[in-house]
Amino acid sequence: MKKIEFLETSKRKFLGEGLQSCTLQEVQQIEKQLERSVSTIRARKLQVFKEQVERLKEKEKILAAENAKLREKFGGLQQRETPSVEKEGEALCTDGSEKSDVETELFIGPPECRVRRL
């Protein structure tokens, strides 16, 4: 019971309650202990932040590698598809008539190429 009472009294003092009965020396000791505690907490906080930064840097590297793979894969697909898309575009406007089986409201090119089939 005495230990619990002592801990509760110490807790109140650390919270700034019941300091009227403390001497100047006791208040200075409490202040030093609080400063040590705060510096320990700040050091732990700094350590946690550093760990988070390291994890995020690792994640960034993984994502950058994945992004590079996807760009490489997409670049290969884009190169394969680009010639056929260009040929379709040429076919649409070469003779002024649309040669695609797909009808759309979207027209690309100069106004004279905008002839629709019915």
PDB file of N, CA and C in Angstrom:
ATOM      1  N   MET A   1       0.825  -1.200   0.000  1.00  0.00           N
ATOM      2  CA  MET A   1       0.000   0.000   0.000  1.00  0.00           C
ATOM      3  C   MET A   1       0.867   1.261   0.000  1.00  0.00           C
ATOM      4  N   LYS A   2       1.957   1.212   0.795  1.00  0.00           N
ATOM      5  CA  LYS A   2       2.834   2.369   0.864  1.00  0.00           C
ATOM      6  C   LYS A   2       3.481   2.650  -0.495  1.00  0.00           C
ATOM      7  N   LYS A   3       3.859   1.579  -1.203  1.00  0.00           N
ATOM      8  CA  LYS A   3       4.489   1.746  -2.507  1.00  0.00           C
ATOM      9  C   LYS A   3       3.504   2.346  -3.510  1.00  0.00           C
ATOM     10  N   ILE A   4       2.272   1.879  -3.485  1.00  0.00           N
ATOM     11  CA  ILE A   4       1.240   2.409  -4.384  1.00  0.00           C
ATOM     12  C   ILE A   4       0.986   3.876  -4.077  1.00  0.00           C
ATOM     13  N   GLU A   5       0.912   4.212  -2.785  1.00  0.00           N
ATOM     14  CA  GLU A   5       0.687   5.602  -2.384  1.00  0.00           C
ATOM     15  C   GLU A   5       1.850   6.485  -2.827  1.00  0.00           C
ATOM     16  N   PHE A   6       3.093   5.984  -2.679  1.00  0.00           N
ATOM     17  CA  PHE A   6       4.272   6.736  -3.107  1.00  0.00           C
ATOM     18  C   PHE A   6       4.243   6.972  -4.619  1.00  0.00           C
ATOM     19  N   LEU A   7       3.884   5.936  -5.388  1.00  0.00           N
ATOM     20  CA  LEU A   7       3.812   6.056  -6.848  1.00  0.00           C
ATOM     21  C   LEU A   7       2.736   7.051  -7.265  1.00  0.00           C
ATOM     22  N   GLU A   8       1.603   7.029  -6.598  1.00  0.00           N
ATOM     23  CA  GLU A   8       0.529   7.975  -6.923  1.00  0.00           C
ATOM     24  C   GLU A   8       0.956   9.406  -6.618  1.00  0.00           C
ATOM     25  N   THR A   9       1.656   9.597  -5.505  1.00  0.00           N
ATOM     26  CA  THR A   9       2.149  10.924  -5.136  1.00  0.00           C
ATOM     27  C   THR A   9       3.178  11.400  -6.168  1.00  0.00           C
ATOM     28  N   SER A  10       4.065  10.495  -6.558  1.00  0.00           N
ATOM     29  CA  SER A  10       5.078  10.850  -7.564  1.00  0.00           C
ATOM     30  C   SER A  10       4.411  11.207  -8.884  1.00  0.00           C
ATOM     31  N   LYS A  11       3.412  10.434  -9.257  1.00  0.00           N
ATOM     32  CA  LYS A  11       2.689  10.695 -10.507  1.00  0.00           C
ATOM     33  C   LYS A  11       2.052  12.084 -10.473  1.00  0.00           C
ATOM     34  N   ARG A  12       1.398  12.410  -9.358  1.00  0.00           N
ATOM     35  CA  ARG A  12       0.767  13.732  -9.242  1.00  0.00           C
ATOM     36  C   ARG A  12       1.810  14.841  -9.349  1.00  0.00           C
ATOM     37  N   LYS A  13       2.969  14.629  -8.729  1.00  0.00           N
ATOM     38  CA  LYS A  13       4.027  15.637  -8.787  1.00  0.00           C
ATOM     39  C   LYS A  13       4.539  15.806 -10.212  1.00  0.00           C
ATOM     40  N   PHE A  14       4.697  14.687 -10.937  1.00  0.00           N
ATOM     41  CA  PHE A  14       5.146  14.777 -12.329  1.00  0.00           C
ATOM     42  C   PHE A  14       4.117  15.477 -13.196  1.00  0.00           C
ATOM     43  N   LEU A  15       2.864  15.379 -12.817  1.00  0.00           N
ATOM     44  CA  LEU A  15       1.803  16.067 -13.552  1.00  0.00           C
ATOM     45  C   LEU A  15       1.645  17.512 -13.094  1.00  0.00           C
ATOM     46  N   GLY A  16       2.429  17.922 -12.102  1.00  0.00           N
ATOM     47  CA  GLY A  16       2.398  19.302 -11.642  1.00  0.00           C
ATOM     48  C   GLY A  16       1.372  19.550 -10.546  1.00  0.00           C
ATOM     49  N   GLU A  17       0.805  18.492 -10.001  1.00  0.00           N
ATOM     50  CA  GLU A  17      -0.192  18.637  -8.937  1.00  0.00           C
ATOM     51  C   GLU A  17       0.474  18.386  -7.577  1.00  0.00           C
ATOM     52  N   GLY A  18       0.059  19.085  -6.572  1.00  0.00           N
ATOM     53  CA  GLY A  18       0.553  18.876  -5.213  1.00  0.00           C
ATOM     54  C   GLY A  18       1.993  19.297  -5.010  1.00  0.00           C
ATOM     55  N   LEU A  19       2.450  20.296  -5.726  1.00  0.00           N
ATOM     56  CA  LEU A  19       3.825  20.759  -5.582  1.00  0.00           C
ATOM     57  C   LEU A  19       3.990  21.789  -4.465  1.00  0.00           C
ATOM     58  N   GLN A  20       2.882  22.210  -3.848  1.00  0.00           N
ATOM     59  CA  GLN A  20       2.954  23.224  -2.798  1.00  0.00           C
ATOM     60  C   GLN A  20       3.781  22.744  -1.602  1.00  0.00           C
ATOM     61  N   SER A  21       3.708  21.456  -1.310  1.00  0.00           N
ATOM     62  CA  SER A  21       4.423  20.934  -0.140  1.00  0.00           C
ATOM     63  C   SER A  21       5.873  20.569  -0.455  1.00  0.00           C
ATOM     64  N   CYS A  22       6.310  20.702  -1.688  1.00  0.00           N
ATOM     65  CA  CYS A  22       7.672  20.330  -2.082  1.00  0.00           C
ATOM     66  C   CYS A  22       8.649  21.480  -1.806  1.00  0.00           C
ATOM     67  N   THR A  23       9.853  21.098  -1.460  1.00  0.00           N
ATOM     68  CA  THR A  23      10.906  22.095  -1.292  1.00  0.00           C
ATOM     69  C   THR A  23      11.482  22.424  -2.661  1.00  0.00           C
ATOM     70  N   LEU A  24      12.291  23.462  -2.695  1.00  0.00           N
ATOM     71  CA  LEU A  24      12.919  23.873  -3.938  1.00  0.00           C
ATOM     72  C   LEU A  24      13.792  22.747  -4.493  1.00  0.00           C
ATOM     73  N   GLN A  25      14.489  22.069  -3.643  1.00  0.00           N
ATOM     74  CA  GLN A  25      15.367  20.968  -4.061  1.00  0.00           C
ATOM     75  C   GLN A  25      14.538  19.829  -4.675  1.00  0.00           C
ATOM     76  N   GLU A  26      13.397  19.493  -4.080  1.00  0.00           N
ATOM     77  CA  GLU A  26      12.537  18.433  -4.622  1.00  0.00           C
ATOM     78  C   GLU A  26      11.987  18.829  -5.999  1.00  0.00           C
ATOM     79  N   VAL A  27      11.598  20.098  -6.133  1.00  0.00           N
ATOM     80  CA  VAL A  27      11.082  20.572  -7.420  1.00  0.00           C
ATOM     81  C   VAL A  27      12.178  20.506  -8.482  1.00  0.00           C
ATOM     82  N   GLN A  28      13.409  20.861  -8.121  1.00  0.00           N
ATOM     83  CA  GLN A  28      14.518  20.770  -9.068  1.00  0.00           C
ATOM     84  C   GLN A  28      14.815  19.328  -9.464  1.00  0.00           C
ATOM     85  N   GLN A  29      14.700  18.402  -8.520  1.00  0.00           N
ATOM     86  CA  GLN A  29      14.897  16.986  -8.831  1.00  0.00           C
ATOM     87  C   GLN A  29      13.806  16.486  -9.787  1.00  0.00           C
ATOM     88  N   ILE A  30      12.577  16.895  -9.531  1.00  0.00           N
ATOM     89  CA  ILE A  30      11.470  16.518 -10.412  1.00  0.00           C
ATOM     90  C   ILE A  30      11.717  17.074 -11.815  1.00  0.00           C
ATOM     91  N   GLU A  31      12.176  18.319 -11.868  1.00  0.00           N
ATOM     92  CA  GLU A  31      12.452  18.940 -13.159  1.00  0.00           C
ATOM     93  C   GLU A  31      13.542  18.180 -13.922  1.00  0.00           C
ATOM     94  N   LYS A  32      14.622  17.806 -13.229  1.00  0.00           N
ATOM     95  CA  LYS A  32      15.704  17.059 -13.873  1.00  0.00           C
ATOM     96  C   LYS A  32      15.214  15.697 -14.368  1.00  0.00           C
ATOM     97  N   GLN A  33      14.394  15.047 -13.558  1.00  0.00           N
ATOM     98  CA  GLN A  33      13.875  13.739 -13.954  1.00  0.00           C
ATOM     99  C   GLN A  33      12.954  13.879 -15.174  1.00  0.00           C
ATOM    100  N   LEU A  34      12.140  14.915 -15.175  1.00  0.00           N
ATOM    101  CA  LEU A  34      11.263  15.151 -16.327  1.00  0.00           C
ATOM    102  C   LEU A  34      12.079  15.450 -17.582  1.00  0.00           C
ATOM    103  N   GLU A  35      13.153  16.241 -17.435  1.00  0.00           N
ATOM    104  CA  GLU A  35      14.002  16.548 -18.581  1.00  0.00           C
ATOM    105  C   GLU A  35      14.675  15.290 -19.127  1.00  0.00           C
ATOM    106  N   ARG A  36      15.126  14.404 -18.242  1.00  0.00           N
ATOM    107  CA  ARG A  36      15.717  13.133 -18.685  1.00  0.00           C
ATOM    108  C   ARG A  36      14.667  12.285 -19.408  1.00  0.00           C
ATOM    109  N   SER A  37      13.465  12.264 -18.855  1.00  0.00           N
ATOM    110  CA  SER A  37      12.395  11.490 -19.483  1.00  0.00           C
ATOM    111  C   SER A  37      12.055  12.040 -20.865  1.00  0.00           C
ATOM    112  N   VAL A  38      11.975  13.357 -20.954  1.00  0.00           N
ATOM    113  CA  VAL A  38      11.653  13.979 -22.239  1.00  0.00           C
ATOM    114  C   VAL A  38      12.761  13.699 -23.251  1.00  0.00           C
ATOM    115  N   SER A  39      14.021  13.768 -22.832  1.00  0.00           N
ATOM    116  CA  SER A  39      15.112  13.487 -23.773  1.00  0.00           C
ATOM    117  C   SER A  39      15.094  12.026 -24.205  1.00  0.00           C
ATOM    118  N   THR A  40      14.740  11.116 -23.314  1.00  0.00           N
ATOM    119  CA  THR A  40      14.612   9.699 -23.675  1.00  0.00           C
ATOM    120  C   THR A  40      13.484   9.510 -24.678  1.00  0.00           C
ATOM    121  N   ILE A  41      12.368  10.183 -24.441  1.00  0.00           N
ATOM    122  CA  ILE A  41      11.221  10.090 -25.354  1.00  0.00           C
ATOM    123  C   ILE A  41      11.585  10.665 -26.717  1.00  0.00           C
ATOM    124  N   ARG A  42      12.273  11.793 -26.733  1.00  0.00           N
ATOM    125  CA  ARG A  42      12.671  12.401 -28.012  1.00  0.00           C
ATOM    126  C   ARG A  42      13.641  11.495 -28.775  1.00  0.00           C
ATOM    127  N   ALA A  43      14.562  10.862 -28.041  1.00  0.00           N
ATOM    128  CA  ALA A  43      15.508   9.949 -28.695  1.00  0.00           C
ATOM    129  C   ALA A  43      14.757   8.767 -29.304  1.00  0.00           C
ATOM    130  N   ARG A  44      13.789   8.240 -28.585  1.00  0.00           N
ATOM    131  CA  ARG A  44      12.992   7.125 -29.108  1.00  0.00           C
ATOM    132  C   ARG A  44      12.179   7.568 -30.326  1.00  0.00           C
ATOM    133  N   LYS A  45      11.607   8.757 -30.250  1.00  0.00           N
ATOM    134  CA  LYS A  45      10.838   9.297 -31.368  1.00  0.00           C
ATOM    135  C   LYS A  45      11.729   9.445 -32.597  1.00  0.00           C
ATOM    136  N   LEU A  46      12.925   9.958 -32.418  1.00  0.00           N
ATOM    137  CA  LEU A  46      13.875  10.122 -33.511  1.00  0.00           C
ATOM    138  C   LEU A  46      14.236   8.768 -34.115  1.00  0.00           C
ATOM    139  N   GLN A  47      14.442   7.781 -33.255  1.00  0.00           N
ATOM    140  CA  GLN A  47      14.765   6.435 -33.726  1.00  0.00           C
ATOM    141  C   GLN A  47      13.609   5.862 -34.555  1.00  0.00           C
ATOM    142  N   VAL A  48      12.387   6.035 -34.080  1.00  0.00           N
ATOM    143  CA  VAL A  48      11.214   5.549 -34.806  1.00  0.00           C
ATOM    144  C   VAL A  48      11.100   6.246 -36.154  1.00  0.00           C
ATOM    145  N   PHE A  49      11.320   7.554 -36.192  1.00  0.00           N
ATOM    146  CA  PHE A  49      11.265   8.296 -37.452  1.00  0.00           C
ATOM    147  C   PHE A  49      12.328   7.796 -38.426  1.00  0.00           C
ATOM    148  N   LYS A  50      13.536   7.557 -37.925  1.00  0.00           N
ATOM    149  CA  LYS A  50      14.601   7.056 -38.791  1.00  0.00           C
ATOM    150  C   LYS A  50      14.242   5.693 -39.362  1.00  0.00           C
ATOM    151  N   GLU A  51      13.674   4.828 -38.526  1.00  0.00           N
ATOM    152  CA  GLU A  51      13.254   3.502 -38.998  1.00  0.00           C
ATOM    153  C   GLU A  51      12.170   3.630 -40.064  1.00  0.00           C
ATOM    154  N   GLN A  52      11.228   4.540 -39.851  1.00  0.00           N
ATOM    155  CA  GLN A  52      10.171   4.748 -40.836  1.00  0.00           C
ATOM    156  C   GLN A  52      10.746   5.258 -42.152  1.00  0.00           C
ATOM    157  N   VAL A  53      11.696   6.181 -42.079  1.00  0.00           N
ATOM    158  CA  VAL A  53      12.326   6.717 -43.286  1.00  0.00           C
ATOM    159  C   VAL A  53      13.042   5.594 -44.032  1.00  0.00           C
ATOM    160  N   GLU A  54      13.745   4.741 -43.311  1.00  0.00           N
ATOM    161  CA  GLU A  54      14.446   3.625 -43.952  1.00  0.00           C
ATOM    162  C   GLU A  54      13.465   2.671 -44.624  1.00  0.00           C
ATOM    163  N   ARG A  55      12.367   2.357 -43.935  1.00  0.00           N
ATOM    164  CA  ARG A  55      11.351   1.483 -44.536  1.00  0.00           C
ATOM    165  C   ARG A  55      10.756   2.124 -45.780  1.00  0.00           C
ATOM    166  N   LEU A  56      10.493   3.419 -45.713  1.00  0.00           N
ATOM    167  CA  LEU A  56       9.926   4.114 -46.868  1.00  0.00           C
ATOM    168  C   LEU A  56      10.931   4.173 -48.025  1.00  0.00           C
ATOM    169  N   LYS A  57      12.206   4.331 -47.731  1.00  0.00           N
ATOM    170  CA  LYS A  57      13.220   4.325 -48.789  1.00  0.00           C
ATOM    171  C   LYS A  57      13.284   2.954 -49.459  1.00  0.00           C
ATOM    172  N   GLU A  58      13.201   1.880 -48.648  1.00  0.00           N
ATOM    173  CA  GLU A  58      13.191   0.530 -49.208  1.00  0.00           C
ATOM    174  C   GLU A  58      11.960   0.337 -50.093  1.00  0.00           C
ATOM    175  N   LYS A  59      10.828   0.809 -49.613  1.00  0.00           N
ATOM    176  CA  LYS A  59       9.593   0.698 -50.383  1.00  0.00           C
ATOM    177  C   LYS A  59       9.709   1.493 -51.682  1.00  0.00           C
ATOM    178  N   GLU A  60      10.336   2.665 -51.602  1.00  0.00           N
ATOM    179  CA  GLU A  60      10.539   3.495 -52.794  1.00  0.00           C
ATOM    180  C   GLU A  60      11.379   2.757 -53.826  1.00  0.00           C
ATOM    181  N   LYS A  61      12.445   2.081 -53.365  1.00  0.00           N
ATOM    182  CA  LYS A  61      13.296   1.330 -54.289  1.00  0.00           C
ATOM    183  C   LYS A  61      12.512   0.201 -54.957  1.00  0.00           C
ATOM    184  N   ILE A  62      11.718  -0.503 -54.167  1.00  0.00           N
ATOM    185  CA  ILE A  62      10.914  -1.600 -54.710  1.00  0.00           C
ATOM    186  C   ILE A  62       9.922  -1.072 -55.737  1.00  0.00           C
ATOM    187  N   LEU A  63       9.247   0.023 -55.401  1.00  0.00           N
ATOM    188  CA  LEU A  63       8.273   0.604 -56.321  1.00  0.00           C
ATOM    189  C   LEU A  63       8.940   1.157 -57.578  1.00  0.00           C
ATOM    190  N   ALA A  64      10.120   1.733 -57.427  1.00  0.00           N
ATOM    191  CA  ALA A  64      10.840   2.249 -58.597  1.00  0.00           C
ATOM    192  C   ALA A  64      11.230   1.100 -59.529  1.00  0.00           C
ATOM    193  N   ALA A  65      11.674  -0.020 -58.940  1.00  0.00           N
ATOM    194  CA  ALA A  65      12.024  -1.180 -59.765  1.00  0.00           C
ATOM    195  C   ALA A  65      10.788  -1.728 -60.469  1.00  0.00           C
ATOM    196  N   GLU A  66       9.686  -1.810 -59.734  1.00  0.00           N
ATOM    197  CA  GLU A  66       8.434  -2.288 -60.339  1.00  0.00           C
ATOM    198  C   GLU A  66       7.973  -1.333 -61.438  1.00  0.00           C
ATOM    199  N   ASN A  67       8.108  -0.052 -61.195  1.00  0.00           N
ATOM    200  CA  ASN A  67       7.732   0.954 -62.188  1.00  0.00           C
ATOM    201  C   ASN A  67       8.586   0.807 -63.452  1.00  0.00           C
ATOM    202  N   ALA A  68       9.874   0.564 -63.267  1.00  0.00           N
ATOM    203  CA  ALA A  68      10.771   0.385 -64.414  1.00  0.00           C
ATOM    204  C   ALA A  68      10.368  -0.843 -65.225  1.00  0.00           C
ATOM    205  N   LYS A  69      10.023  -1.924 -64.512  1.00  0.00           N
ATOM    206  CA  LYS A  69       9.578  -3.131 -65.215  1.00  0.00           C
ATOM    207  C   LYS A  69       8.305  -2.863 -66.007  1.00  0.00           C
ATOM    208  N   LEU A  70       7.374  -2.148 -65.387  1.00  0.00           N
ATOM    209  CA  LEU A  70       6.119  -1.849 -66.073  1.00  0.00           C
ATOM    210  C   LEU A  70       6.346  -0.929 -67.269  1.00  0.00           C
ATOM    211  N   ARG A  71       7.230   0.036 -67.124  1.00  0.00           N
ATOM    212  CA  ARG A  71       7.539   0.920 -68.255  1.00  0.00           C
ATOM    213  C   ARG A  71       8.156   0.122 -69.397  1.00  0.00           C
ATOM    214  N   GLU A  72       9.055  -0.800 -69.027  1.00  0.00           N
ATOM    215  CA  GLU A  72       9.693  -1.640 -70.033  1.00  0.00           C
ATOM    216  C   GLU A  72       8.641  -2.497 -70.738  1.00  0.00           C
ATOM    217  N   LYS A  73       7.744  -3.080 -69.947  1.00  0.00           N
ATOM    218  CA  LYS A  73       6.690  -3.920 -70.507  1.00  0.00           C
ATOM    219  C   LYS A  73       5.737  -3.079 -71.357  1.00  0.00           C
ATOM    220  N   PHE A  74       5.329  -1.925 -70.843  1.00  0.00           N
ATOM    221  CA  PHE A  74       4.418  -1.052 -71.579  1.00  0.00           C
ATOM    222  C   PHE A  74       5.084  -0.517 -72.830  1.00  0.00           C
ATOM    223  N   GLY A  75       6.348  -0.184 -72.737  1.00  0.00           N
ATOM    224  CA  GLY A  75       7.087   0.315 -73.895  1.00  0.00           C
ATOM    225  C   GLY A  75       7.107  -0.719 -75.003  1.00  0.00           C
ATOM    226  N   GLY A  76       7.287  -1.982 -74.641  1.00  0.00           N
ATOM    227  CA  GLY A  76       7.259  -3.053 -75.629  1.00  0.00           C
ATOM    228  C   GLY A  76       5.897  -3.190 -76.259  1.00  0.00           C
ATOM    229  N   LEU A  77       4.850  -3.088 -75.469  1.00  0.00           N
ATOM    230  CA  LEU A  77       3.491  -3.166 -76.000  1.00  0.00           C
ATOM    231  C   LEU A  77       3.185  -1.968 -76.872  1.00  0.00           C
ATOM    232  N   GLN A  78       3.604  -0.804 -76.445  1.00  0.00           N
ATOM    233  CA  GLN A  78       3.337   0.419 -77.184  1.00  0.00           C
ATOM    234  C   GLN A  78       4.031   0.379 -78.547  1.00  0.00           C
ATOM    235  N   GLN A  79       5.249  -0.131 -78.597  1.00  0.00           N
ATOM    236  CA  GLN A  79       5.974  -0.207 -79.849  1.00  0.00           C
ATOM    237  C   GLN A  79       5.294  -1.186 -80.805  1.00  0.00           C
ATOM    238  N   ARG A  80       4.745  -2.280 -80.262  1.00  0.00           N
ATOM    239  CA  ARG A  80       4.056  -3.249 -81.111  1.00  0.00           C
ATOM    240  C   ARG A  80       2.750  -2.683 -81.655  1.00  0.00           C
ATOM    241  N   GLU A  81       2.042  -1.897 -80.836  1.00  0.00           N
ATOM    242  CA  GLU A  81       0.728  -1.392 -81.232  1.00  0.00           C
ATOM    243  C   GLU A  81       0.800  -0.110 -82.047  1.00  0.00           C
ATOM    244  N   THR A  82       1.830   0.658 -81.915  1.00  0.00           N
ATOM    245  CA  THR A  82       1.923   1.963 -82.559  1.00  0.00           C
ATOM    246  C   THR A  82       1.819   1.888 -84.082  1.00  0.00           C
ATOM    247  N   PRO A  83       2.527   0.996 -84.780  1.00  0.00           N
ATOM    248  CA  PRO A  83       2.414   0.978 -86.239  1.00  0.00           C
ATOM    249  C   PRO A  83       0.992   0.707 -86.716  1.00  0.00           C
ATOM    250  N   SER A  84       0.268  -0.205 -86.100  1.00  0.00           N
ATOM    251  CA  SER A  84      -1.090  -0.501 -86.545  1.00  0.00           C
ATOM    252  C   SER A  84      -2.013   0.682 -86.299  1.00  0.00           C
ATOM    253  N   VAL A  85      -1.825   1.399 -85.215  1.00  0.00           N
ATOM    254  CA  VAL A  85      -2.643   2.569 -84.927  1.00  0.00           C
ATOM    255  C   VAL A  85      -2.367   3.649 -85.965  1.00  0.00           C
ATOM    256  N   GLU A  86      -1.093   3.843 -86.321  1.00  0.00           N
ATOM    257  CA  GLU A  86      -0.747   4.850 -87.320  1.00  0.00           C
ATOM    258  C   GLU A  86      -1.346   4.480 -88.671  1.00  0.00           C
ATOM    259  N   LYS A  87      -1.328   3.195 -89.032  1.00  0.00           N
ATOM    260  CA  LYS A  87      -1.900   2.769 -90.304  1.00  0.00           C
ATOM    261  C   LYS A  87      -3.398   3.021 -90.344  1.00  0.00           C
ATOM    262  N   GLU A  88      -4.092   2.772 -89.222  1.00  0.00           N
ATOM    263  CA  GLU A  88      -5.527   3.039 -89.163  1.00  0.00           C
ATOM    264  C   GLU A  88      -5.801   4.520 -89.343  1.00  0.00           C
ATOM    265  N   GLY A  89      -4.987   5.370 -88.723  1.00  0.00           N
ATOM    266  CA  GLY A  89      -5.156   6.808 -88.840  1.00  0.00           C
ATOM    267  C   GLY A  89      -4.961   7.264 -90.278  1.00  0.00           C
ATOM    268  N   GLU A  90      -3.986   6.682 -90.955  1.00  0.00           N
ATOM    269  CA  GLU A  90      -3.752   7.026 -92.359  1.00  0.00           C
ATOM    270  C   GLU A  90      -4.928   6.571 -93.218  1.00  0.00           C
ATOM    271  N   ALA A  91      -5.480   5.400 -92.935  1.00  0.00           N
ATOM    272  CA  ALA A  91      -6.583   4.857 -93.717  1.00  0.00           C
ATOM    273  C   ALA A  91      -7.837   5.700 -93.554  1.00  0.00           C
ATOM    274  N   LEU A  92      -8.017   6.312 -92.388  1.00  0.00           N
ATOM    275  CA  LEU A  92      -9.221   7.102 -92.146  1.00  0.00           C
ATOM    276  C   LEU A  92      -9.257   8.363 -93.003  1.00  0.00           C
ATOM    277  N   CYS A  93      -8.124   8.967 -93.243  1.00  0.00           N
ATOM    278  CA  CYS A  93      -8.118  10.264 -93.910  1.00  0.00           C
ATOM    279  C   CYS A  93      -7.496  10.235 -95.300  1.00  0.00           C
ATOM    280  N   THR A  94      -7.117   9.111 -95.825  1.00  0.00           N
ATOM    281  CA  THR A  94      -6.444   9.090 -97.116  1.00  0.00           C
ATOM    282  C   THR A  94      -7.374   9.498 -98.246  1.00  0.00           C
ATOM    283  N   ASP A  95      -8.532   8.863 -98.309  1.00  0.00           N
ATOM    284  CA  ASP A  95      -9.415   9.198 -99.417  1.00  0.00           C
ATOM    285  C   ASP A  95     -10.644   9.970 -98.958  1.00  0.00           C
ATOM    286  N   GLY A  96     -10.668  10.425 -97.742  1.00  0.00           N
ATOM    287  CA  GLY A  96     -11.785  11.219 -97.253  1.00  0.00           C
ATOM    288  C   GLY A  96     -12.928  10.393 -96.712  1.00  0.00           C
ATOM    289  N   SER A  97     -12.776   9.086 -96.668  1.00  0.00           N
ATOM    290  CA  SER A  97     -13.833   8.256 -96.109  1.00  0.00           C
ATOM    291  C   SER A  97     -13.269   7.415 -94.970  1.00  0.00           C
ATOM    292  N   GLU A  98     -14.123   7.068 -94.066  1.00  0.00           N
ATOM    293  CA  GLU A  98     -13.720   6.296 -92.902  1.00  0.00           C
ATOM    294  C   GLU A  98     -13.725   4.823 -93.256  1.00  0.00           C
ATOM    295  N   LYS A  99     -12.651   4.091 -92.969  1.00  0.00           N
ATOM    296  CA  LYS A  99     -12.556   2.682 -93.324  1.00  0.00           C
ATOM    297  C   LYS A  99     -12.606   1.784 -92.099  1.00  0.00           C
ATOM    298  N   SER A 100     -12.985   2.298 -90.963  1.00  0.00           N
ATOM    299  CA  SER A 100     -13.071   1.514 -89.745  1.00  0.00           C
ATOM    300  C   SER A 100     -14.490   1.011 -89.559  1.00  0.00           C
ATOM    301  N   ASP A 101     -14.639  -0.177 -88.979  1.00  0.00           N
ATOM    302  CA  ASP A 101     -15.958  -0.731 -88.704  1.00  0.00           C
ATOM    303  C   ASP A 101     -16.575  -0.109 -87.457  1.00  0.00           C
ATOM    304  N   VAL A 102     -15.805   0.621 -86.701  1.00  0.00           N
ATOM    305  CA  VAL A 102     -16.286   1.209 -85.461  1.00  0.00           C
ATOM    306  C   VAL A 102     -16.750   2.626 -85.734  1.00  0.00           C
ATOM    307  N   GLU A 103     -17.999   2.922 -85.334  1.00  0.00           N
ATOM    308  CA  GLU A 103     -18.500   4.278 -85.474  1.00  0.00           C
ATOM    309  C   GLU A 103     -18.417   4.961 -84.127  1.00  0.00           C
ATOM    310  N   THR A 104     -17.983   6.199 -84.149  1.00  0.00           N
ATOM    311  CA  THR A 104     -17.813   6.930 -82.908  1.00  0.00           C
ATOM    312  C   THR A 104     -18.105   8.402 -83.138  1.00  0.00           C
ATOM    313  N   GLU A 105     -18.362   9.093 -82.064  1.00  0.00           N
ATOM    314  CA  GLU A 105     -18.594  10.534 -82.128  1.00  0.00           C
ATOM    315  C   GLU A 105     -17.269  11.293 -82.130  1.00  0.00           C
ATOM    316  N   LEU A 106     -16.189  10.595 -81.822  1.00  0.00           N
ATOM    317  CA  LEU A 106     -14.879  11.219 -81.712  1.00  0.00           C
ATOM    318  C   LEU A 106     -14.220  11.258 -83.086  1.00  0.00           C
ATOM    319  N   PHE A 107     -13.771  12.441 -83.486  1.00  0.00           N
ATOM    320  CA  PHE A 107     -13.073  12.598 -84.755  1.00  0.00           C
ATOM    321  C   PHE A 107     -11.726  13.222 -84.484  1.00  0.00           C
ATOM    322  N   ILE A 108     -10.714  12.662 -85.107  1.00  0.00           N
ATOM    323  CA  ILE A 108      -9.365  13.184 -84.971  1.00  0.00           C
ATOM    324  C   ILE A 108      -8.866  13.534 -86.362  1.00  0.00           C
ATOM    325  N   GLY A 109      -8.354  14.701 -86.522  1.00  0.00           N
ATOM    326  CA  GLY A 109      -7.810  15.101 -87.807  1.00  0.00           C
ATOM    327  C   GLY A 109      -8.462  16.372 -88.295  1.00  0.00           C
ATOM    328  N   PRO A 110      -8.055  16.808 -89.470  1.00  0.00           N
ATOM    329  CA  PRO A 110      -8.614  18.045 -90.028  1.00  0.00           C
ATOM    330  C   PRO A 110     -10.098  17.874 -90.362  1.00  0.00           C
ATOM    331  N   PRO A 111     -10.828  18.953 -90.455  1.00  0.00           N
ATOM    332  CA  PRO A 111     -12.274  18.882 -90.691  1.00  0.00           C
ATOM    333  C   PRO A 111     -12.650  18.135 -91.963  1.00  0.00           C
ATOM    334  N   GLU A 112     -11.824  18.182 -92.994  1.00  0.00           N
ATOM    335  CA  GLU A 112     -12.192  17.515 -94.251  1.00  0.00           C
ATOM    336  C   GLU A 112     -12.198  15.993 -94.112  1.00  0.00           C
ATOM    337  N   CYS A 113     -11.599  15.445 -93.056  1.00  0.00           N
ATOM    338  CA  CYS A 113     -11.578  13.997 -92.851  1.00  0.00           C
ATOM    339  C   CYS A 113     -12.800  13.531 -92.062  1.00  0.00           C
ATOM    340  N   ARG A 114     -13.657  14.408 -91.656  1.00  0.00           N
ATOM    341  CA  ARG A 114     -14.761  14.065 -90.759  1.00  0.00           C
ATOM    342  C   ARG A 114     -15.999  13.633 -91.554  1.00  0.00           C
ATOM    343  N   VAL A 115     -15.875  12.623 -92.340  1.00  0.00           N
ATOM    344  CA  VAL A 115     -16.998  12.108 -93.121  1.00  0.00           C
ATOM    345  C   VAL A 115     -17.459  10.833 -92.438  1.00  0.00           C
ATOM    346  N   ARG A 116     -18.746  10.755 -92.127  1.00  0.00           N
ATOM    347  CA  ARG A 116     -19.286   9.587 -91.424  1.00  0.00           C
ATOM    348  C   ARG A 116     -20.044   8.707 -92.392  1.00  0.00           C
ATOM    349  N   ARG A 117     -19.936   7.391 -92.134  1.00  0.00           N
ATOM    350  CA  ARG A 117     -20.740   6.439 -92.910  1.00  0.00           C
ATOM    351  C   ARG A 117     -22.100   6.285 -92.279  1.00  0.00           C
ATOM    352  N   LEU A 118     -23.110   6.072 -93.055  1.00  0.00           N
ATOM    353  CA  LEU A 118     -24.457   5.823 -92.537  1.00  0.00           C
ATOM    354  C   LEU A 118     -24.886   4.432 -92.778  1.00  0.00           C
TER     355      LEU A 118
END
